[in-house]
Amino acid sequence: LALAAMEGMVRDMTANVANLERAAASGFSTATDLADWLVRELGLPFRDAHHVTGALVALAEGKGCDLPELTLADMQSAHAGITAAVFDVLGVHNSVASRQSYGGTAPDQVRAQIARWKEMLT
């Protein structure tokens, strides 16, 4: 019964893409991506990466911007080893696209799951 009701709601639903993107980008949603990058690329222990990320979130809050809007100099003020490559992992689109594991949020993974479930449900 719930599935039938949901199907009717989704069929008539219209998404406001601009509002969805704005909401997804708010609240430092890519902070974990930054911490993961610091661990992966700079070899920091996660505890240190978390501390650096927290400092950068505080800096961005103070400047009234989000993490991708900080300058490289801003980033390096928290850790000298940060390079321009950090900007490749920041931003909602980059974050979503980077989730390539099975069932991840990358567009090709989502398409694969849609195809799988359409086949299973028909």
N, C-alpha and C. Protein backbone atom coordinates (compact mmCIF):
# COMPACT_ATOMS: atom_id res chain seq x y z
N LEU A 1 0.82 -1.19 0.00
CA LEU A 1 0.00 0.00 0.00
C LEU A 1 0.87 1.26 0.00
N ALA A 2 1.90 1.25 0.85
CA ALA A 2 2.78 2.42 0.92
C ALA A 2 3.52 2.61 -0.40
N LEU A 3 3.93 1.52 -1.03
CA LEU A 3 4.63 1.63 -2.31
C LEU A 3 3.73 2.22 -3.38
N ALA A 4 2.47 1.83 -3.40
CA ALA A 4 1.53 2.38 -4.38
C ALA A 4 1.32 3.87 -4.15
N ALA A 5 1.20 4.28 -2.90
CA ALA A 5 1.03 5.71 -2.59
C ALA A 5 2.27 6.49 -2.99
N MET A 6 3.43 5.93 -2.72
CA MET A 6 4.69 6.59 -3.06
C MET A 6 4.82 6.74 -4.57
N GLU A 7 4.43 5.73 -5.31
CA GLU A 7 4.52 5.77 -6.77
C GLU A 7 3.70 6.93 -7.31
N GLY A 8 2.51 7.13 -6.78
CA GLY A 8 1.67 8.24 -7.22
C GLY A 8 2.27 9.59 -6.90
N MET A 9 2.86 9.72 -5.73
CA MET A 9 3.49 10.99 -5.35
C MET A 9 4.69 11.30 -6.24
N VAL A 10 5.52 10.32 -6.45
CA VAL A 10 6.74 10.53 -7.24
C VAL A 10 6.40 10.82 -8.70
N ARG A 11 5.37 10.17 -9.23
CA ARG A 11 4.99 10.39 -10.62
C ARG A 11 4.61 11.85 -10.87
N ASP A 12 3.94 12.48 -9.91
CA ASP A 12 3.48 13.85 -10.06
C ASP A 12 4.46 14.90 -9.52
N MET A 13 5.55 14.46 -8.96
CA MET A 13 6.49 15.35 -8.32
C MET A 13 7.32 16.12 -9.35
N THR A 14 7.61 17.38 -9.05
CA THR A 14 8.51 18.18 -9.86
C THR A 14 9.61 18.70 -8.94
N ALA A 15 10.84 18.40 -9.26
CA ALA A 15 11.97 18.82 -8.42
C ALA A 15 12.44 20.20 -8.83
N ASN A 16 12.73 21.04 -7.86
CA ASN A 16 13.34 22.34 -8.10
C ASN A 16 14.84 22.14 -7.97
N VAL A 17 15.50 21.88 -9.09
CA VAL A 17 16.91 21.49 -9.11
C VAL A 17 17.79 22.56 -8.47
N ALA A 18 17.53 23.81 -8.76
CA ALA A 18 18.36 24.89 -8.19
C ALA A 18 18.28 24.89 -6.66
N ASN A 19 17.08 24.72 -6.12
CA ASN A 19 16.93 24.67 -4.66
C ASN A 19 17.60 23.43 -4.07
N LEU A 20 17.48 22.30 -4.77
CA LEU A 20 18.11 21.08 -4.29
C LEU A 20 19.63 21.22 -4.26
N GLU A 21 20.21 21.79 -5.32
CA GLU A 21 21.66 21.97 -5.36
C GLU A 21 22.12 22.94 -4.28
N ARG A 22 21.39 24.00 -4.08
CA ARG A 22 21.74 24.98 -3.05
C ARG A 22 21.69 24.33 -1.66
N ALA A 23 20.66 23.55 -1.41
CA ALA A 23 20.53 22.89 -0.11
C ALA A 23 21.64 21.85 0.10
N ALA A 24 21.97 21.12 -0.95
CA ALA A 24 23.01 20.10 -0.84
C ALA A 24 24.38 20.72 -0.56
N ALA A 25 24.61 21.91 -1.07
CA ALA A 25 25.91 22.57 -0.90
C ALA A 25 26.03 23.29 0.43
N SER A 26 24.95 23.43 1.14
CA SER A 26 24.99 24.20 2.39
C SER A 26 25.48 23.34 3.55
N GLY A 27 25.95 23.99 4.58
CA GLY A 27 26.30 23.28 5.80
C GLY A 27 27.60 22.50 5.73
N PHE A 28 28.51 22.90 4.87
CA PHE A 28 29.83 22.27 4.78
C PHE A 28 29.71 20.77 4.52
N SER A 29 28.86 20.43 3.58
CA SER A 29 28.57 19.03 3.27
C SER A 29 29.76 18.28 2.70
N THR A 30 30.80 18.98 2.24
CA THR A 30 31.97 18.29 1.70
C THR A 30 33.14 18.27 2.68
N ALA A 31 32.90 18.60 3.93
CA ALA A 31 33.98 18.60 4.92
C ALA A 31 34.61 17.22 5.07
N THR A 32 33.80 16.17 5.04
CA THR A 32 34.35 14.82 5.15
C THR A 32 35.21 14.48 3.95
N ASP A 33 34.82 14.97 2.76
CA ASP A 33 35.65 14.76 1.57
C ASP A 33 37.02 15.40 1.76
N LEU A 34 37.04 16.58 2.37
CA LEU A 34 38.30 17.26 2.64
C LEU A 34 39.15 16.45 3.61
N ALA A 35 38.55 15.98 4.70
CA ALA A 35 39.30 15.17 5.66
C ALA A 35 39.83 13.89 5.01
N ASP A 36 39.01 13.23 4.21
CA ASP A 36 39.45 12.02 3.51
C ASP A 36 40.62 12.33 2.58
N TRP A 37 40.56 13.46 1.88
CA TRP A 37 41.65 13.86 0.97
C TRP A 37 42.93 14.07 1.75
N LEU A 38 42.85 14.73 2.91
CA LEU A 38 44.04 14.97 3.73
C LEU A 38 44.67 13.65 4.17
N VAL A 39 43.86 12.67 4.49
CA VAL A 39 44.36 11.35 4.87
C VAL A 39 44.99 10.66 3.67
N ARG A 40 44.25 10.63 2.57
CA ARG A 40 44.68 9.90 1.37
C ARG A 40 45.90 10.54 0.70
N GLU A 41 45.87 11.85 0.51
CA GLU A 41 46.91 12.52 -0.27
C GLU A 41 48.10 13.01 0.56
N LEU A 42 47.86 13.41 1.79
CA LEU A 42 48.95 13.93 2.62
C LEU A 42 49.41 12.95 3.68
N GLY A 43 48.69 11.84 3.80
CA GLY A 43 49.08 10.82 4.77
C GLY A 43 48.84 11.21 6.22
N LEU A 44 47.95 12.18 6.45
CA LEU A 44 47.67 12.58 7.82
C LEU A 44 46.85 11.51 8.53
N PRO A 45 47.09 11.32 9.82
CA PRO A 45 46.16 10.49 10.59
C PRO A 45 44.79 11.17 10.58
N PHE A 46 43.72 10.38 10.65
CA PHE A 46 42.39 10.99 10.53
C PHE A 46 42.14 12.00 11.64
N ARG A 47 42.67 11.78 12.82
CA ARG A 47 42.49 12.73 13.91
C ARG A 47 43.04 14.10 13.51
N ASP A 48 44.23 14.12 12.90
CA ASP A 48 44.83 15.39 12.46
C ASP A 48 44.04 15.99 11.30
N ALA A 49 43.61 15.13 10.38
CA ALA A 49 42.82 15.61 9.24
C ALA A 49 41.52 16.24 9.72
N HIS A 50 40.91 15.65 10.73
CA HIS A 50 39.68 16.19 11.31
C HIS A 50 39.95 17.56 11.93
N HIS A 51 41.08 17.71 12.60
CA HIS A 51 41.44 18.99 13.22
C HIS A 51 41.66 20.06 12.15
N VAL A 52 42.40 19.73 11.09
CA VAL A 52 42.64 20.67 9.99
C VAL A 52 41.32 21.06 9.33
N THR A 53 40.49 20.07 9.08
CA THR A 53 39.18 20.33 8.46
C THR A 53 38.34 21.24 9.34
N GLY A 54 38.34 20.99 10.62
CA GLY A 54 37.60 21.85 11.55
C GLY A 54 38.09 23.28 11.52
N ALA A 55 39.41 23.45 11.44
CA ALA A 55 39.97 24.80 11.36
C ALA A 55 39.54 25.50 10.08
N LEU A 56 39.49 24.75 8.97
CA LEU A 56 39.08 25.34 7.70
C LEU A 56 37.58 25.65 7.67
N VAL A 57 36.78 24.81 8.28
CA VAL A 57 35.35 25.10 8.39
C VAL A 57 35.15 26.38 9.20
N ALA A 58 35.87 26.50 10.30
CA ALA A 58 35.77 27.71 11.13
C ALA A 58 36.20 28.95 10.34
N LEU A 59 37.27 28.81 9.55
CA LEU A 59 37.74 29.93 8.73
C LEU A 59 36.68 30.31 7.70
N ALA A 60 36.11 29.31 7.03
CA ALA A 60 35.07 29.57 6.03
C ALA A 60 33.85 30.22 6.68
N GLU A 61 33.45 29.73 7.83
CA GLU A 61 32.32 30.35 8.54
C GLU A 61 32.61 31.81 8.84
N GLY A 62 33.83 32.09 9.29
CA GLY A 62 34.22 33.45 9.60
C GLY A 62 34.21 34.37 8.39
N LYS A 63 34.53 33.79 7.23
CA LYS A 63 34.54 34.56 5.98
C LYS A 63 33.18 34.59 5.30
N GLY A 64 32.24 33.81 5.83
CA GLY A 64 30.91 33.76 5.22
C GLY A 64 30.88 33.04 3.88
N CYS A 65 31.71 32.00 3.75
CA CYS A 65 31.75 31.25 2.49
C CYS A 65 31.78 29.76 2.78
N ASP A 66 31.75 28.96 1.72
CA ASP A 66 31.85 27.52 1.86
C ASP A 66 33.29 27.10 1.57
N LEU A 67 33.63 25.86 1.86
CA LEU A 67 35.00 25.38 1.69
C LEU A 67 35.58 25.60 0.29
N PRO A 68 34.84 25.31 -0.79
CA PRO A 68 35.42 25.49 -2.13
C PRO A 68 35.75 26.95 -2.46
N GLU A 69 35.18 27.88 -1.69
CA GLU A 69 35.40 29.30 -1.95
C GLU A 69 36.63 29.85 -1.22
N LEU A 70 37.24 29.05 -0.34
CA LEU A 70 38.48 29.48 0.29
C LEU A 70 39.60 29.49 -0.74
N THR A 71 40.60 30.32 -0.53
CA THR A 71 41.75 30.35 -1.44
C THR A 71 42.74 29.26 -1.04
N LEU A 72 43.68 28.99 -1.92
CA LEU A 72 44.73 28.03 -1.59
C LEU A 72 45.52 28.53 -0.38
N ALA A 73 45.78 29.82 -0.32
CA ALA A 73 46.50 30.38 0.84
C ALA A 73 45.70 30.15 2.13
N ASP A 74 44.38 30.30 2.05
CA ASP A 74 43.54 30.00 3.21
C ASP A 74 43.72 28.55 3.63
N MET A 75 43.66 27.65 2.66
CA MET A 75 43.80 26.22 2.95
C MET A 75 45.16 25.94 3.59
N GLN A 76 46.20 26.54 3.01
CA GLN A 76 47.55 26.29 3.51
C GLN A 76 47.80 26.91 4.88
N SER A 77 46.96 27.86 5.28
CA SER A 77 47.10 28.42 6.63
C SER A 77 46.77 27.38 7.69
N ALA A 78 46.00 26.37 7.32
CA ALA A 78 45.66 25.30 8.26
C ALA A 78 46.64 24.14 8.16
N HIS A 79 47.20 23.92 6.97
CA HIS A 79 48.23 22.88 6.77
C HIS A 79 49.03 23.23 5.53
N ALA A 80 50.32 23.39 5.70
CA ALA A 80 51.19 23.84 4.60
C ALA A 80 51.25 22.86 3.44
N GLY A 81 50.95 21.60 3.66
CA GLY A 81 51.05 20.60 2.61
C GLY A 81 49.89 20.58 1.63
N ILE A 82 48.85 21.33 1.90
CA ILE A 82 47.68 21.33 1.02
C ILE A 82 48.04 21.97 -0.32
N THR A 83 47.65 21.31 -1.40
CA THR A 83 47.91 21.80 -2.76
C THR A 83 46.59 22.16 -3.44
N ALA A 84 46.71 22.72 -4.63
CA ALA A 84 45.51 23.10 -5.40
C ALA A 84 44.65 21.89 -5.73
N ALA A 85 45.22 20.70 -5.69
CA ALA A 85 44.45 19.48 -5.99
C ALA A 85 43.29 19.28 -5.01
N VAL A 86 43.35 19.93 -3.86
CA VAL A 86 42.27 19.79 -2.87
C VAL A 86 40.94 20.25 -3.44
N PHE A 87 40.99 21.23 -4.34
CA PHE A 87 39.74 21.76 -4.89
C PHE A 87 39.02 20.76 -5.79
N ASP A 88 39.74 19.71 -6.23
CA ASP A 88 39.11 18.67 -7.04
C ASP A 88 38.12 17.83 -6.25
N VAL A 89 38.25 17.80 -4.93
CA VAL A 89 37.34 16.98 -4.12
C VAL A 89 36.26 17.81 -3.44
N LEU A 90 36.37 19.12 -3.51
CA LEU A 90 35.38 19.98 -2.86
C LEU A 90 34.26 20.32 -3.82
N GLY A 91 33.11 20.63 -3.30
CA GLY A 91 31.93 20.92 -4.12
C GLY A 91 31.05 19.69 -4.20
N VAL A 92 29.77 19.92 -4.18
CA VAL A 92 28.79 18.84 -4.13
C VAL A 92 28.88 17.92 -5.34
N HIS A 93 29.01 18.48 -6.53
CA HIS A 93 29.06 17.64 -7.73
C HIS A 93 30.27 16.71 -7.69
N ASN A 94 31.42 17.23 -7.28
CA ASN A 94 32.61 16.39 -7.17
C ASN A 94 32.44 15.32 -6.11
N SER A 95 31.83 15.69 -5.00
CA SER A 95 31.61 14.74 -3.92
C SER A 95 30.72 13.59 -4.38
N VAL A 96 29.62 13.92 -5.01
CA VAL A 96 28.69 12.90 -5.49
C VAL A 96 29.36 12.01 -6.53
N ALA A 97 30.07 12.61 -7.47
CA ALA A 97 30.70 11.85 -8.55
C ALA A 97 31.81 10.94 -8.05
N SER A 98 32.40 11.25 -6.91
CA SER A 98 33.52 10.45 -6.41
C SER A 98 33.08 9.14 -5.77
N ARG A 99 31.83 8.97 -5.50
CA ARG A 99 31.34 7.76 -4.83
C ARG A 99 31.06 6.68 -5.87
N GLN A 100 32.14 6.00 -6.28
CA GLN A 100 32.07 5.03 -7.37
C GLN A 100 31.84 3.59 -6.92
N SER A 101 31.78 3.34 -5.62
CA SER A 101 31.59 1.97 -5.17
C SER A 101 30.17 1.50 -5.49
N TYR A 102 29.96 0.19 -5.41
CA TYR A 102 28.65 -0.39 -5.70
C TYR A 102 27.59 0.28 -4.84
N GLY A 103 26.56 0.81 -5.49
CA GLY A 103 25.49 1.49 -4.78
C GLY A 103 25.80 2.92 -4.40
N GLY A 104 26.94 3.44 -4.88
CA GLY A 104 27.35 4.80 -4.55
C GLY A 104 26.51 5.84 -5.28
N THR A 105 26.82 7.11 -5.01
CA THR A 105 26.03 8.22 -5.55
C THR A 105 26.51 8.71 -6.91
N ALA A 106 27.62 8.19 -7.42
CA ALA A 106 28.09 8.62 -8.74
C ALA A 106 27.00 8.32 -9.77
N PRO A 107 26.80 9.22 -10.73
CA PRO A 107 25.71 9.04 -11.70
C PRO A 107 25.69 7.67 -12.37
N ASP A 108 26.84 7.12 -12.74
CA ASP A 108 26.82 5.81 -13.40
C ASP A 108 26.39 4.71 -12.42
N GLN A 109 26.72 4.85 -11.15
CA GLN A 109 26.27 3.88 -10.15
C GLN A 109 24.75 3.97 -9.94
N VAL A 110 24.24 5.18 -9.92
CA VAL A 110 22.79 5.38 -9.76
C VAL A 110 22.05 4.79 -10.96
N ARG A 111 22.56 5.06 -12.16
CA ARG A 111 21.93 4.49 -13.37
C ARG A 111 21.93 2.96 -13.31
N ALA A 112 23.03 2.38 -12.85
CA ALA A 112 23.11 0.92 -12.75
C ALA A 112 22.09 0.38 -11.76
N GLN A 113 21.90 1.06 -10.64
CA GLN A 113 20.91 0.61 -9.65
C GLN A 113 19.49 0.77 -10.17
N ILE A 114 19.23 1.85 -10.89
CA ILE A 114 17.90 2.04 -11.48
C ILE A 114 17.60 0.90 -12.45
N ALA A 115 18.56 0.59 -13.31
CA ALA A 115 18.37 -0.50 -14.28
C ALA A 115 18.16 -1.83 -13.56
N ARG A 116 18.95 -2.08 -12.52
CA ARG A 116 18.84 -3.33 -11.77
C ARG A 116 17.45 -3.46 -11.15
N TRP A 117 16.97 -2.41 -10.50
CA TRP A 117 15.68 -2.48 -9.83
C TRP A 117 14.52 -2.49 -10.81
N LYS A 118 14.65 -1.82 -11.93
CA LYS A 118 13.59 -1.90 -12.94
C LYS A 118 13.45 -3.33 -13.43
N GLU A 119 14.58 -3.98 -13.64
CA GLU A 119 14.56 -5.36 -14.10
C GLU A 119 13.96 -6.28 -13.03
N MET A 120 14.33 -6.06 -11.78
CA MET A 120 13.83 -6.92 -10.70
C MET A 120 12.33 -6.71 -10.44
N LEU A 121 11.84 -5.50 -10.66
CA LEU A 121 10.45 -5.19 -10.34
C LEU A 121 9.49 -5.40 -11.50
N THR A 122 10.01 -5.69 -12.68
CA THR A 122 9.11 -5.91 -13.83
C THR A 122 9.12 -7.36 -14.26
